[in-house]
Every structure is written in C-alpha cells, then in structure tokens.
C-alpha cells in the first residue's frame, strides 16, 4: 500500500501528526498482513517520501 496526501502550503515537510498517523497506519497494516511501502506528501513542485527519509 502507498498512501499520499497534499500540503497546499507548498511545504512537503511532515507535521508531527503526519508522522504519528503514518506510524499508526504502519502498525495496523502489519497486523493485517499488508505492507505500507511509502507515504508521500505532495506540495507545489516537491514531494516528501517517508521511505526515502528513513521513516518507513
């Protein structure tokens, strides 16, 4: 599974809530036998990958 959302502000840096929710989704998906491959945050002309940044 890959999840994504956007930050209309233009800054793709994840908030504390984004990080916490991603950790919770990763735990839940593992308990269901589903792999959370990445969480992407899309912003104006840039993106943030939790996997690339070592958070997944």
N, C-alpha and C. Protein backbone atom coordinates (compact mmCIF):
# COMPACT_ATOMS: atom_id res chain seq x y z
N UNK A 1 0.85 -1.16 0.00
CA UNK A 1 0.00 0.00 0.00
C UNK A 1 0.90 1.23 0.00
N UNK A 2 0.51 2.22 -0.73
CA UNK A 2 1.16 3.53 -0.72
C UNK A 2 0.07 4.55 -0.44
N UNK A 3 0.32 5.42 0.53
CA UNK A 3 -0.65 6.48 0.81
C UNK A 3 -0.02 7.81 0.46
N UNK A 4 -0.84 8.78 0.17
CA UNK A 4 -0.34 10.11 -0.12
C UNK A 4 -1.38 11.15 0.21
N UNK A 5 -0.88 12.34 0.46
CA UNK A 5 -1.76 13.49 0.64
C UNK A 5 -0.99 14.73 0.23
N UNK A 6 -1.68 15.84 0.16
CA UNK A 6 -1.01 17.07 -0.28
C UNK A 6 -0.93 18.09 0.85
N UNK A 7 0.03 18.98 0.71
CA UNK A 7 0.17 20.14 1.59
C UNK A 7 0.03 21.38 0.70
N UNK A 8 -1.15 21.98 0.67
CA UNK A 8 -1.37 23.16 -0.18
C UNK A 8 -0.45 24.34 0.15
N UNK A 9 0.15 24.32 1.32
CA UNK A 9 1.05 25.41 1.72
C UNK A 9 2.29 25.47 0.83
N UNK A 10 2.60 24.36 0.17
CA UNK A 10 3.79 24.30 -0.66
C UNK A 10 4.98 23.67 0.03
N UNK A 11 4.90 23.41 1.31
CA UNK A 11 5.98 22.80 2.08
C UNK A 11 5.63 21.34 2.36
N UNK A 12 6.38 20.39 1.79
CA UNK A 12 6.03 18.98 1.97
C UNK A 12 6.52 18.37 3.28
N UNK A 13 7.14 19.15 4.14
CA UNK A 13 7.65 18.63 5.41
C UNK A 13 6.50 18.06 6.25
N UNK A 14 6.64 16.82 6.73
CA UNK A 14 5.55 16.23 7.50
C UNK A 14 5.40 16.89 8.87
N UNK A 15 4.16 17.02 9.28
CA UNK A 15 3.88 17.52 10.63
C UNK A 15 4.03 16.36 11.62
N UNK A 16 4.00 16.68 12.91
CA UNK A 16 4.05 15.63 13.93
C UNK A 16 2.86 14.69 13.78
N UNK A 17 1.71 15.26 13.43
CA UNK A 17 0.50 14.44 13.22
C UNK A 17 0.68 13.51 12.02
N UNK A 18 1.31 14.00 10.94
CA UNK A 18 1.57 13.15 9.77
C UNK A 18 2.45 11.96 10.16
N UNK A 19 3.49 12.23 10.94
CA UNK A 19 4.42 11.17 11.36
C UNK A 19 3.72 10.17 12.27
N UNK A 20 2.95 10.67 13.22
CA UNK A 20 2.23 9.79 14.15
C UNK A 20 1.21 8.92 13.41
N UNK A 21 0.45 9.52 12.50
CA UNK A 21 -0.55 8.77 11.75
C UNK A 21 0.11 7.70 10.89
N UNK A 22 1.26 8.03 10.29
CA UNK A 22 1.96 7.06 9.46
C UNK A 22 2.43 5.87 10.29
N UNK A 23 2.95 6.13 11.47
CA UNK A 23 3.37 5.04 12.35
C UNK A 23 2.19 4.16 12.73
N UNK A 24 1.05 4.79 13.03
CA UNK A 24 -0.15 4.02 13.39
C UNK A 24 -0.63 3.18 12.21
N UNK A 25 -0.65 3.77 11.01
CA UNK A 25 -1.08 3.03 9.82
C UNK A 25 -0.13 1.87 9.52
N UNK A 26 1.17 2.07 9.75
CA UNK A 26 2.14 1.01 9.52
C UNK A 26 1.88 -0.15 10.47
N UNK A 27 1.63 0.15 11.75
CA UNK A 27 1.34 -0.91 12.73
C UNK A 27 0.05 -1.65 12.38
N UNK A 28 -0.98 -0.91 12.02
CA UNK A 28 -2.27 -1.52 11.67
C UNK A 28 -2.13 -2.38 10.43
N UNK A 29 -1.45 -1.85 9.42
CA UNK A 29 -1.31 -2.62 8.17
C UNK A 29 -0.52 -3.90 8.40
N UNK A 30 0.52 -3.84 9.23
CA UNK A 30 1.29 -5.06 9.54
C UNK A 30 0.41 -6.11 10.21
N UNK A 31 -0.46 -5.67 11.12
CA UNK A 31 -1.33 -6.63 11.80
C UNK A 31 -2.32 -7.29 10.85
N UNK A 32 -2.58 -6.62 9.71
CA UNK A 32 -3.48 -7.17 8.70
C UNK A 32 -2.74 -7.91 7.59
N UNK A 33 -1.42 -7.95 7.68
CA UNK A 33 -0.63 -8.62 6.66
C UNK A 33 -0.43 -7.78 5.40
N UNK A 34 -0.56 -6.47 5.52
CA UNK A 34 -0.40 -5.56 4.39
C UNK A 34 0.87 -4.73 4.63
N UNK A 35 1.64 -4.52 3.57
CA UNK A 35 2.86 -3.74 3.68
C UNK A 35 2.59 -2.29 3.29
N UNK A 36 2.96 -1.38 4.17
CA UNK A 36 2.90 0.05 3.84
C UNK A 36 4.25 0.40 3.21
N UNK A 37 4.27 0.51 1.90
CA UNK A 37 5.53 0.74 1.18
C UNK A 37 6.02 2.18 1.31
N UNK A 38 5.10 3.13 1.32
CA UNK A 38 5.52 4.53 1.42
C UNK A 38 4.33 5.41 1.75
N UNK A 39 4.65 6.58 2.25
CA UNK A 39 3.68 7.65 2.46
C UNK A 39 4.31 8.88 1.81
N UNK A 40 3.62 9.43 0.84
CA UNK A 40 4.13 10.58 0.10
C UNK A 40 3.33 11.82 0.46
N UNK A 41 4.03 12.92 0.62
CA UNK A 41 3.37 14.22 0.78
C UNK A 41 3.75 15.03 -0.44
N UNK A 42 2.74 15.49 -1.15
CA UNK A 42 2.93 16.25 -2.38
C UNK A 42 2.68 17.72 -2.10
N UNK A 43 3.58 18.57 -2.60
CA UNK A 43 3.42 20.02 -2.47
C UNK A 43 3.78 20.65 -3.81
N UNK A 44 3.68 21.93 -3.91
CA UNK A 44 3.98 22.62 -5.16
C UNK A 44 5.41 22.34 -5.64
N UNK A 45 5.53 21.49 -6.64
CA UNK A 45 6.82 21.22 -7.24
C UNK A 45 7.78 20.39 -6.40
N UNK A 46 7.32 19.82 -5.30
CA UNK A 46 8.20 18.98 -4.48
C UNK A 46 7.38 17.91 -3.78
N UNK A 47 8.09 16.95 -3.22
CA UNK A 47 7.42 15.87 -2.51
C UNK A 47 8.31 15.39 -1.37
N UNK A 48 7.70 14.66 -0.46
CA UNK A 48 8.41 14.07 0.68
C UNK A 48 8.04 12.60 0.73
N UNK A 49 9.03 11.74 0.80
CA UNK A 49 8.81 10.30 0.88
C UNK A 49 9.27 9.81 2.25
N UNK A 50 8.35 9.24 3.00
CA UNK A 50 8.70 8.70 4.31
C UNK A 50 9.73 7.57 4.17
N UNK A 51 9.61 6.77 3.11
CA UNK A 51 10.56 5.69 2.91
C UNK A 51 11.95 6.25 2.61
N UNK A 52 12.04 7.20 1.69
CA UNK A 52 13.34 7.79 1.34
C UNK A 52 14.01 8.48 2.50
N UNK A 53 13.20 9.02 3.41
CA UNK A 53 13.74 9.74 4.58
C UNK A 53 13.96 8.83 5.78
N UNK A 54 13.74 7.51 5.59
CA UNK A 54 14.02 6.54 6.65
C UNK A 54 12.96 6.44 7.72
N UNK A 55 11.77 6.97 7.47
CA UNK A 55 10.70 6.89 8.46
C UNK A 55 9.81 5.68 8.26
N UNK A 56 10.05 4.92 7.21
CA UNK A 56 9.35 3.65 6.97
C UNK A 56 10.36 2.59 6.59
